[in-house]
């Protein structure tokens, strides 16, 4: 009996993961508001009722996809080589922005969820807070190692520097959505990182 329950639980998790992956792809292509649940259900071989068993509303699925996006972004930073130089870290920030821009529907989705997550009573609040902390921790650890190698000016607050980078990235994504995409998102991030390099780097970046 225990094995059957464990197998059923694992199958349920696998099916939820497939639904989230399919939704992320559809939302990235067409945007959250333009994709019906029936389309996503069909992508994974389910009826709409079957999908609703795992995600009772479209908003529940929205939150799951947003969490998946944040988790993926956080994983990029934990996978960066521990010996990455400051130039490597800043280059990865530009590259991650380019990856986000390749899926514009997910930028819109992220902004939608971020606004709701600001409400402490929202189910998205704790999830977003935890994922943000994970991302800031990972970037701050990279900056700290750069500082230990003498690549950052003495006294640089690596955690605050990481928070600033995340804040600028997210703020520019919000502006990109409000401008209907008529904003150089990658250029804005690159310009901000150039200013950071000029202010705190002890080496040529």
Protein backbone atom coordinates (compact mmCIF):
# COMPACT_ATOMS: atom_id res chain seq x y z
CA UNK A 1 0.00 0.00 0.00
CA UNK A 2 2.83 2.38 0.90
CA UNK A 3 4.58 1.69 -2.38
CA UNK A 4 1.39 2.34 -4.34
CA UNK A 5 0.89 5.69 -2.61
CA UNK A 6 4.52 6.65 -3.22
CA UNK A 7 4.24 5.70 -6.88
CA UNK A 8 1.01 7.64 -7.26
CA UNK A 9 2.59 10.69 -5.59
CA UNK A 10 5.63 10.52 -7.87
CA UNK A 11 3.39 10.20 -10.93
CA UNK A 12 1.37 13.20 -9.77
CA UNK A 13 4.51 15.30 -9.34
CA UNK A 14 5.75 14.25 -12.77
CA UNK A 15 2.42 15.20 -14.33
CA UNK A 16 2.40 18.58 -12.56
CA UNK A 17 5.92 19.23 -13.84
CA UNK A 18 4.83 18.41 -17.39
CA UNK A 19 1.87 20.77 -17.09
CA UNK A 20 4.08 23.59 -15.78
CA UNK A 21 6.61 23.04 -18.59
CA UNK A 22 3.86 23.07 -21.24
CA UNK A 23 2.27 26.17 -19.72
CA UNK A 24 5.62 27.96 -19.58
CA UNK A 25 6.17 27.26 -23.26
CA UNK A 26 2.69 28.43 -24.26
CA UNK A 27 2.80 31.53 -22.03
CA UNK A 28 6.25 32.39 -23.41
CA UNK A 29 4.93 32.18 -26.97
CA UNK A 30 1.59 33.96 -26.64
CA UNK A 31 1.31 35.48 -23.17
CA UNK A 32 -0.69 34.40 -20.16
CA UNK A 33 -4.03 35.96 -21.11
CA UNK A 34 -4.11 34.53 -24.63
CA UNK A 35 -3.63 30.84 -23.81
CA UNK A 36 -6.70 28.82 -22.74
CA UNK A 37 -6.31 26.04 -20.19
CA UNK A 38 -7.77 23.59 -22.69
CA UNK A 39 -4.78 24.19 -24.98
CA UNK A 40 -2.28 23.40 -22.21
CA UNK A 41 -4.28 20.34 -21.14
CA UNK A 42 -4.21 19.02 -24.70
CA UNK A 43 -0.43 19.54 -24.85
CA UNK A 44 0.06 17.05 -22.01
CA UNK A 45 -2.69 14.62 -23.00
CA UNK A 46 -5.24 15.66 -20.38
CA UNK A 47 -8.76 16.99 -20.41
CA UNK A 48 -9.26 20.45 -18.98
CA UNK A 49 -10.87 18.77 -15.96
CA UNK A 50 -7.76 16.63 -15.53
CA UNK A 51 -5.57 19.71 -15.54
CA UNK A 52 -7.83 21.43 -12.99
CA UNK A 53 -7.31 18.48 -10.66
CA UNK A 54 -3.67 19.56 -10.34
CA UNK A 55 -4.21 23.34 -10.67
CA UNK A 56 -7.71 24.42 -9.53
CA UNK A 57 -7.54 27.75 -11.38
CA UNK A 58 -5.47 29.38 -14.09
CA UNK A 59 -3.99 31.66 -11.44
CA UNK A 60 -2.64 28.63 -9.57
CA UNK A 61 -0.91 27.57 -12.77
CA UNK A 62 0.37 31.12 -13.28
CA UNK A 63 2.03 31.02 -9.86
CA UNK A 64 3.58 27.62 -10.56
CA UNK A 65 5.07 28.81 -13.86
CA UNK A 66 6.39 31.99 -12.24
CA UNK A 67 8.00 29.95 -9.46
CA UNK A 68 9.56 27.69 -12.09
CA UNK A 69 11.00 30.73 -13.89
CA UNK A 70 12.50 32.15 -10.69
CA UNK A 71 13.91 28.76 -9.70
CA UNK A 72 15.50 28.38 -13.13
CA UNK A 73 17.09 31.83 -12.84
CA UNK A 74 18.43 31.01 -9.37
CA UNK A 75 19.88 27.75 -10.68
CA UNK A 76 21.83 29.63 -13.37
CA UNK A 77 23.73 31.40 -10.60
CA UNK A 78 24.45 28.29 -8.54
CA UNK A 79 25.78 26.59 -11.68
CA UNK A 80 28.26 29.37 -12.48
CA UNK A 81 31.83 28.28 -11.78
CA UNK A 82 32.96 29.14 -8.25
CA UNK A 83 36.11 30.69 -9.71
CA UNK A 84 34.15 33.00 -12.01
CA UNK A 85 35.76 36.41 -12.28
CA UNK A 86 33.86 39.66 -11.90
CA UNK A 87 33.80 39.93 -15.69
CA UNK A 88 32.28 36.43 -15.87
CA UNK A 89 29.57 37.30 -13.32
CA UNK A 90 28.60 40.51 -15.11
CA UNK A 91 28.60 38.72 -18.47
CA UNK A 92 26.23 36.10 -17.03
CA UNK A 93 23.85 38.86 -15.95
CA UNK A 94 23.69 40.10 -19.53
CA UNK A 95 23.27 36.53 -20.81
CA UNK A 96 20.45 35.80 -18.38
CA UNK A 97 18.66 38.94 -19.57
CA UNK A 98 19.01 37.74 -23.16
CA UNK A 99 17.52 34.37 -22.18
CA UNK A 100 14.57 36.10 -20.53
CA UNK A 101 14.05 38.27 -23.60
CA UNK A 102 13.91 35.14 -25.76
CA UNK A 103 10.69 34.26 -23.86
CA UNK A 104 8.85 37.59 -23.69
CA UNK A 105 5.59 36.05 -22.49
CA UNK A 106 7.32 34.89 -19.33
CA UNK A 107 8.54 38.42 -18.60
CA UNK A 108 4.91 39.58 -18.64
CA UNK A 109 3.93 36.65 -16.44
CA UNK A 110 6.72 37.37 -13.96
CA UNK A 111 5.64 41.01 -13.63
CA UNK A 112 2.02 39.95 -13.06
CA UNK A 113 3.00 37.58 -10.25
CA UNK A 114 5.48 40.00 -8.69
CA UNK A 115 2.73 42.56 -8.14
CA UNK A 116 0.56 39.98 -6.40
CA UNK A 117 3.46 38.62 -4.35
CA UNK A 118 3.88 42.04 -2.75
CA UNK A 119 0.67 41.27 -0.80
CA UNK A 120 1.76 39.34 2.32
CA UNK A 121 -1.54 37.43 2.33
CA UNK A 122 -1.00 36.08 -1.20
CA UNK A 123 0.10 32.44 -1.62
CA UNK A 124 2.77 33.77 -3.97
CA UNK A 125 4.35 35.94 -1.27
CA UNK A 126 6.32 33.26 0.60
CA UNK A 127 7.37 31.53 -2.61
CA UNK A 128 8.72 34.70 -4.19
CA UNK A 129 10.43 35.79 -0.96
CA UNK A 130 12.24 32.46 -0.70
CA UNK A 131 13.28 32.44 -4.35
CA UNK A 132 14.52 36.03 -4.18
CA UNK A 133 16.60 35.19 -1.12
CA UNK A 134 18.08 32.20 -2.96
CA UNK A 135 19.02 34.30 -5.97
CA UNK A 136 20.53 37.12 -3.90
CA UNK A 137 22.51 34.60 -1.81
CA UNK A 138 23.94 32.96 -4.94
CA UNK A 139 24.99 36.24 -6.58
CA UNK A 140 26.35 37.66 -3.30
CA UNK A 141 28.49 34.51 -2.87
CA UNK A 142 29.98 35.05 -6.33
CA UNK A 143 30.71 38.71 -5.59
CA UNK A 144 32.25 37.73 -2.23
CA UNK A 145 34.68 35.40 -3.94
CA UNK A 146 35.54 38.19 -6.38
CA UNK A 147 36.20 40.49 -3.41
CA UNK A 148 38.42 37.87 -1.75
CA UNK A 149 40.54 37.79 -4.91
CA UNK A 150 40.87 41.58 -4.79
CA UNK A 151 38.62 42.27 -7.80
CA UNK A 152 36.27 44.55 -5.84
CA UNK A 153 37.14 47.72 -3.97
CA UNK A 154 37.68 47.26 -0.22
CA UNK A 155 34.50 47.73 1.77
CA UNK A 156 32.17 46.73 -1.08
CA UNK A 157 28.95 45.29 0.39
CA UNK A 158 28.52 42.20 -1.78
CA UNK A 159 24.99 41.43 -0.61
CA UNK A 160 23.76 44.95 -1.30
CA UNK A 161 25.47 44.85 -4.68
CA UNK A 162 23.64 41.60 -5.48
CA UNK A 163 20.31 43.11 -4.38
CA UNK A 164 20.92 46.14 -6.58
CA UNK A 165 21.59 43.97 -9.62
CA UNK A 166 18.41 41.96 -9.06
CA UNK A 167 16.38 45.13 -8.44
CA UNK A 168 17.59 46.80 -11.63
CA UNK A 169 16.95 43.67 -13.70
CA UNK A 170 13.41 43.29 -12.36
CA UNK A 171 12.67 47.00 -12.60
CA UNK A 172 13.75 47.10 -16.23
CA UNK A 173 11.56 44.07 -16.98
CA UNK A 174 8.57 45.95 -15.52
CA UNK A 175 9.39 48.99 -17.67
CA UNK A 176 9.79 46.72 -20.71
CA UNK A 177 6.27 45.35 -20.17
CA UNK A 178 4.79 48.83 -19.63
CA UNK A 179 6.49 50.03 -22.82
CA UNK A 180 5.04 47.09 -24.77
CA UNK A 181 8.55 45.87 -25.48
CA UNK A 182 9.75 49.23 -26.81
CA UNK A 183 12.76 49.37 -24.49
CA UNK A 184 16.29 48.04 -24.89
CA UNK A 185 16.21 45.63 -21.96
CA UNK A 186 19.61 44.07 -22.59
CA UNK A 187 21.17 47.48 -23.26
CA UNK A 188 19.77 48.83 -20.00
CA UNK A 189 21.21 45.95 -17.98
CA UNK A 190 24.55 46.22 -19.78
CA UNK A 191 24.75 49.98 -19.06
CA UNK A 192 23.99 49.42 -15.38
CA UNK A 193 26.67 46.75 -15.10
CA UNK A 194 29.19 49.06 -16.79
CA UNK A 195 28.49 51.66 -14.10
CA UNK A 196 28.95 49.01 -11.40
CA UNK A 197 32.25 47.93 -12.92
CA UNK A 198 33.42 51.55 -13.00
CA UNK A 199 32.44 52.11 -9.37
CA UNK A 200 33.65 48.97 -7.56
CA UNK A 201 36.00 47.02 -9.84
CA UNK A 202 39.73 47.13 -9.19
CA UNK A 203 40.48 45.49 -12.52
CA UNK A 204 39.67 46.20 -16.14
CA UNK A 205 36.27 44.55 -16.90
